[in-house]
Amino acid sequence: MSKNFELMQQAGNEHSLRPNPTQEPAPSVNFGNGHGNGNGKRHREADGLDLDLLAGEEALRLVQRVFLLQAQEPPHMVVFAGIDHGNGCSRICVSVAETLAKNVRGTVCLVEANLRSPALPGMFGTTNHHGLTDALLHDGPIRSFAKPVRGDNLWLLSSGALAADSPKLLNSERIKTRFAELRKEFDFVLIDAPPLTPYSDALAFGQLTDGFILVVEANATRREAALQVAENLRAANVRILGAVLNQRTFPIPESLYHRL
């Protein structure tokens, strides 16, 4: 059995993900439900334990650490990127965005920047139509390309119409303009990016945002790959705000774990 996700205080030491040796360790979260496939489906354990509730509790801890309890100005535009395919990055990004929207008065915008395999619209039961690629190719206010998905303060900028060469748009000059507009239009912007090991798409966001949350999958992501990604981000002067350990399992029953 496993725990949905847990803030790990030693992320900087265990995963070498701290931005530089003089800074505090980046907070990390464990999203290990043992059943997740990244497609947004919810599961409950047979013994009646509500994994959704656990996920909500841990998402709130990450939101507090990264966005709400900062001594200085908190980050307002954050990239979520997995190390590899299938790390559950999209599901985690959605969970954090929903939690953030419930705990702030301002607006939160989710951006589907994973043009390789977009997943966010399916999680909200909407379509990719009229989204990021359209905003990069056409004029108009950035909010006109987004749609509200939860109440009046959570918005989704889906991927938009896709073509074989769509990922090239992420490295265009136009992306700088549109990201600047997103920053002005919404109070918080969470960007679901393609995985960092197979693609370089997300690196283009480094200088346009306030930092990255890295998603690592327990017992799947190679330590060498995670270290190389962290080094590449540091070399590009990109701030690592935190790390998520997904699918971490525990060798004892969940109900007993919570009594320890």
Protein backbone atom coordinates (compact mmCIF):
# COMPACT_ATOMS: atom_id res chain seq x y z
CA MET A 1 0.00 0.00 0.00
CA SER A 2 1.18 3.55 -0.48
CA LYS A 3 0.73 7.17 0.42
CA ASN A 4 -0.68 9.66 -2.06
CA PHE A 5 2.05 12.24 -1.57
CA GLU A 6 4.18 13.42 1.28
CA LEU A 7 6.36 16.46 1.82
CA MET A 8 9.94 15.26 2.22
CA GLN A 9 12.11 17.58 4.24
CA GLN A 10 15.40 16.14 3.00
CA ALA A 11 14.81 16.59 -0.73
CA GLY A 12 17.93 18.64 -1.17
CA ASN A 13 20.15 15.97 0.38
CA GLU A 14 18.46 12.87 -1.02
CA HIS A 15 17.98 13.99 -4.58
CA SER A 16 20.57 16.76 -4.97
CA LEU A 17 17.89 19.11 -6.23
CA ARG A 18 18.73 22.19 -4.21
CA PRO A 19 19.42 25.18 -6.52
CA ASN A 20 22.82 25.88 -4.94
CA PRO A 21 24.58 24.92 -1.71
CA THR A 22 23.81 28.21 0.03
CA GLN A 23 20.04 27.95 -0.35
CA GLU A 24 17.53 25.99 1.71
CA PRO A 25 16.69 22.50 0.42
CA ALA A 26 13.92 22.54 -2.15
CA PRO A 27 10.68 21.18 -0.67
CA SER A 28 9.58 17.87 -2.11
CA VAL A 29 6.33 15.97 -2.14
CA ASN A 30 5.55 12.28 -2.49
CA PHE A 31 2.60 11.51 -4.78
CA GLY A 32 2.72 7.72 -4.45
CA ASN A 33 -0.77 6.26 -4.71
CA GLY A 34 0.53 3.11 -6.26
CA HIS A 35 -2.24 3.20 -8.87
CA GLY A 36 -1.71 6.51 -10.65
CA ASN A 37 -1.32 6.55 -14.41
CA GLY A 38 -1.22 10.30 -14.94
CA ASN A 39 -4.65 10.46 -16.56
CA GLY A 40 -6.39 12.14 -13.62
CA LYS A 41 -8.47 9.16 -12.48
CA ARG A 42 -9.18 9.00 -8.75
CA HIS A 43 -8.82 5.85 -6.68
CA ARG A 44 -9.81 4.72 -3.20
CA GLU A 45 -8.17 1.89 -1.29
CA ALA A 46 -10.16 -1.22 -0.42
CA ASP A 47 -9.90 -0.54 3.32
CA GLY A 48 -11.87 2.67 2.90
CA LEU A 49 -8.97 5.11 3.12
CA ASP A 50 -9.69 8.20 1.02
CA LEU A 51 -6.61 8.74 -1.14
CA ASP A 52 -8.15 11.88 -2.60
CA LEU A 53 -8.17 13.35 0.90
CA LEU A 54 -4.53 12.44 1.42
CA ALA A 55 -3.65 13.98 -1.92
CA GLY A 56 -5.46 17.16 -0.97
CA GLU A 57 -3.62 17.39 2.33
CA GLU A 58 -0.22 17.00 0.70
CA ALA A 59 -1.06 19.36 -2.16
CA LEU A 60 -1.96 21.96 0.47
CA ARG A 61 1.41 21.47 2.14
CA LEU A 62 3.21 22.03 -1.15
CA VAL A 63 1.07 25.08 -1.93
CA GLN A 64 1.84 26.52 1.49
CA ARG A 65 5.57 25.90 1.23
CA VAL A 66 6.01 27.14 -2.34
CA PHE A 67 3.34 29.81 -2.76
CA LEU A 68 1.80 30.99 0.52
CA LEU A 69 4.37 30.95 3.31
CA GLN A 70 7.32 32.53 1.57
CA ALA A 71 9.16 35.19 3.58
CA GLN A 72 9.86 37.07 0.37
CA GLU A 73 7.79 37.55 -2.78
CA PRO A 74 6.33 34.13 -3.69
CA PRO A 75 6.69 32.68 -7.19
CA HIS A 76 3.79 33.53 -9.47
CA MET A 77 4.68 31.59 -12.63
CA VAL A 78 5.89 28.03 -12.04
CA VAL A 79 6.75 25.18 -14.40
CA PHE A 80 5.90 21.58 -13.51
CA ALA A 81 8.05 19.13 -15.46
CA GLY A 82 8.68 15.42 -15.14
CA ILE A 83 12.11 13.88 -15.57
CA ASP A 84 10.70 11.18 -17.86
CA HIS A 85 7.44 10.23 -19.55
CA GLY A 86 4.73 8.86 -17.27
CA ASN A 87 5.90 10.51 -14.05
CA GLY A 88 2.37 11.82 -13.35
CA CYS A 89 3.32 15.46 -13.87
CA SER A 90 -0.03 16.54 -15.35
CA ARG A 91 -2.06 15.03 -12.51
CA ILE A 92 0.18 16.65 -9.93
CA CYS A 93 0.04 20.04 -11.66
CA VAL A 94 -3.77 19.90 -11.68
CA SER A 95 -3.95 18.90 -8.00
CA VAL A 96 -1.70 21.78 -6.96
CA ALA A 97 -3.56 24.28 -9.15
CA GLU A 98 -6.94 23.27 -7.73
CA THR A 99 -5.62 23.53 -4.18
CA LEU A 100 -4.01 26.89 -4.84
CA ALA A 101 -7.23 28.25 -6.37
CA LYS A 102 -9.15 27.25 -3.24
CA ASN A 103 -6.71 29.05 -0.95
CA VAL A 104 -6.11 32.38 -2.70
CA ARG A 105 -8.42 35.18 -3.71
CA GLY A 106 -6.65 35.79 -6.99
CA THR A 107 -6.88 33.92 -10.28
CA VAL A 108 -4.94 30.78 -11.17
CA CYS A 109 -4.26 29.71 -14.74
CA LEU A 110 -3.16 26.22 -15.78
CA VAL A 111 -1.20 26.21 -19.04
CA GLU A 112 -0.96 23.06 -21.15
CA ALA A 113 2.52 23.51 -22.61
CA ASN A 114 3.09 19.79 -23.13
CA LEU A 115 2.42 19.83 -26.85
CA ARG A 116 3.87 16.31 -27.13
CA SER A 117 1.10 14.59 -25.17
CA PRO A 118 -1.46 17.06 -23.76
CA ALA A 119 -3.55 15.70 -20.89
CA LEU A 120 -5.07 18.60 -18.95
CA PRO A 121 -8.24 19.14 -21.04
CA GLY A 122 -9.23 15.51 -20.56
CA MET A 123 -8.93 15.89 -16.80
CA PHE A 124 -11.43 18.75 -16.85
CA GLY A 125 -13.74 17.25 -19.48
CA THR A 126 -13.04 19.97 -22.00
CA THR A 127 -11.21 20.19 -25.35
CA ASN A 128 -7.87 21.43 -26.64
CA HIS A 129 -9.65 23.83 -28.97
CA HIS A 130 -8.52 27.47 -29.02
CA GLY A 131 -5.54 27.34 -26.68
CA LEU A 132 -1.82 28.00 -26.42
CA THR A 133 -0.80 27.28 -30.02
CA ASP A 134 -3.62 29.49 -31.25
CA ALA A 135 -2.44 32.28 -28.95
CA LEU A 136 1.07 31.92 -30.38
CA LEU A 137 -0.16 32.09 -33.96
CA HIS A 138 -2.90 34.68 -33.69
CA ASP A 139 -3.60 38.01 -32.01
CA GLY A 140 -6.07 38.70 -29.24
CA PRO A 141 -6.08 39.07 -25.43
CA ILE A 142 -4.47 36.04 -23.79
CA ARG A 143 -7.53 35.49 -21.57
CA SER A 144 -9.66 35.02 -24.69
CA PHE A 145 -7.74 31.81 -25.41
CA ALA A 146 -8.34 30.40 -21.91
CA LYS A 147 -11.48 29.01 -20.30
CA PRO A 148 -12.71 28.85 -16.68
CA VAL A 149 -12.78 25.28 -15.35
CA ARG A 150 -13.41 25.58 -11.60
CA GLY A 151 -15.53 28.40 -10.24
CA ASP A 152 -14.41 31.83 -11.33
CA ASN A 153 -10.74 31.78 -10.36
CA LEU A 154 -9.26 28.64 -11.98
CA TRP A 155 -8.63 28.87 -15.71
CA LEU A 156 -7.19 26.50 -18.30
CA LEU A 157 -5.14 27.52 -21.32
CA SER A 158 -5.24 24.23 -23.23
CA SER A 159 -2.69 23.24 -25.85
CA GLY A 160 -4.77 24.44 -28.79
CA ALA A 161 -4.66 23.07 -32.32
CA LEU A 162 -1.68 20.76 -32.76
CA ALA A 163 0.50 20.01 -35.77
CA ALA A 164 3.72 18.07 -36.25
CA ASP A 165 5.80 21.22 -35.82
CA SER A 166 3.80 22.70 -32.92
CA PRO A 167 6.58 22.13 -30.31
CA LYS A 168 8.76 24.59 -32.26
CA LEU A 169 6.38 27.35 -31.16
CA LEU A 170 7.65 26.94 -27.58
CA ASN A 171 11.02 28.32 -28.66
CA SER A 172 9.65 31.26 -30.62
CA GLU A 173 9.90 34.92 -29.67
CA ARG A 174 6.13 34.96 -29.44
CA ILE A 175 6.18 32.72 -26.36
CA LYS A 176 7.97 35.46 -24.42
CA THR A 177 5.22 37.95 -25.19
CA ARG A 178 2.41 35.54 -24.33
CA PHE A 179 4.02 34.42 -21.07
CA ALA A 180 4.45 38.06 -20.06
CA GLU A 181 0.74 38.59 -20.76
CA LEU A 182 -0.17 35.55 -18.66
CA ARG A 183 1.87 36.93 -15.77
CA LYS A 184 0.01 40.24 -15.93
CA GLU A 185 -3.45 38.74 -16.49
CA PHE A 186 -3.43 36.06 -13.77
CA ASP A 187 -2.18 36.08 -10.20
CA PHE A 188 -0.65 32.60 -10.48
CA VAL A 189 0.31 30.61 -13.58
CA LEU A 190 1.14 26.88 -13.39
CA ILE A 191 2.64 25.40 -16.53
CA ASP A 192 2.48 21.69 -17.35
CA ALA A 193 5.61 21.12 -19.46
CA PRO A 194 6.98 18.16 -21.46
CA PRO A 195 9.40 15.79 -19.68
CA LEU A 196 12.93 17.10 -19.39
CA THR A 197 14.98 14.05 -20.31
CA PRO A 198 13.67 13.38 -23.83
CA TYR A 199 12.92 17.00 -24.78
CA SER A 200 14.42 20.44 -24.33
CA ASP A 201 11.08 22.27 -24.73
CA ALA A 202 10.73 23.14 -21.05
CA LEU A 203 14.20 24.67 -20.77
CA ALA A 204 12.96 27.57 -22.88
CA PHE A 205 10.62 28.47 -20.02
CA GLY A 206 13.42 28.86 -17.49
CA GLN A 207 14.11 32.54 -18.08
CA LEU A 208 10.42 33.37 -18.51
CA THR A 209 9.14 31.95 -15.21
CA ASP A 210 9.98 31.96 -11.52
CA GLY A 211 11.23 28.39 -11.39
CA PHE A 212 10.56 24.67 -11.74
CA ILE A 213 8.89 21.96 -9.71
CA LEU A 214 10.49 18.68 -10.80
CA VAL A 215 8.52 15.41 -10.83
CA VAL A 216 10.44 12.22 -10.09
CA GLU A 217 8.89 8.75 -10.03
CA ALA A 218 9.98 6.39 -7.27
CA ASN A 219 11.58 3.14 -8.43
CA ALA A 220 11.45 4.32 -12.04
CA THR A 221 13.36 7.56 -12.55
CA ARG A 222 17.09 6.93 -12.75
CA ARG A 223 19.08 8.95 -10.23
CA GLU A 224 21.61 9.84 -12.92
CA ALA A 225 18.87 11.28 -15.13
CA ALA A 226 17.49 13.40 -12.28
CA LEU A 227 20.93 14.71 -11.38
CA GLN A 228 21.67 15.57 -15.00
CA VAL A 229 18.40 17.46 -15.34
CA ALA A 230 19.10 19.39 -12.13
CA GLU A 231 22.57 20.24 -13.37
CA ASN A 232 21.21 21.44 -16.73
CA LEU A 233 18.74 23.71 -14.96
CA ARG A 234 21.41 25.11 -12.68
CA ALA A 235 23.69 25.74 -15.67
CA ALA A 236 20.87 27.70 -17.28
CA ASN A 237 20.37 29.70 -14.04
CA VAL A 238 16.91 28.21 -13.59
CA ARG A 239 15.62 28.07 -10.03
CA ILE A 240 14.43 24.70 -8.70
CA LEU A 241 11.57 25.50 -6.34
CA GLY A 242 10.86 21.94 -5.25
CA ALA A 243 10.66 18.30 -6.21
CA VAL A 244 7.82 15.81 -6.25
CA LEU A 245 8.44 12.12 -5.61
CA ASN A 246 5.58 10.26 -7.24
CA GLN A 247 4.45 6.68 -6.59
CA ARG A 248 6.43 6.19 -3.40
CA THR A 249 5.21 3.04 -1.66
CA PHE A 250 5.39 2.00 1.96
CA PRO A 251 5.96 -1.56 3.23
CA ILE A 252 3.29 -1.31 5.94
CA PRO A 253 -0.51 -0.94 5.62
CA GLU A 254 -1.69 2.63 5.09
CA SER A 255 -4.00 2.57 8.12
CA LEU A 256 -1.12 1.48 10.36
CA TYR A 257 1.24 4.03 8.79
CA HIS A 258 -0.97 6.88 9.95
CA ARG A 259 -0.85 5.65 13.55
CA LEU A 260 2.93 5.80 13.73
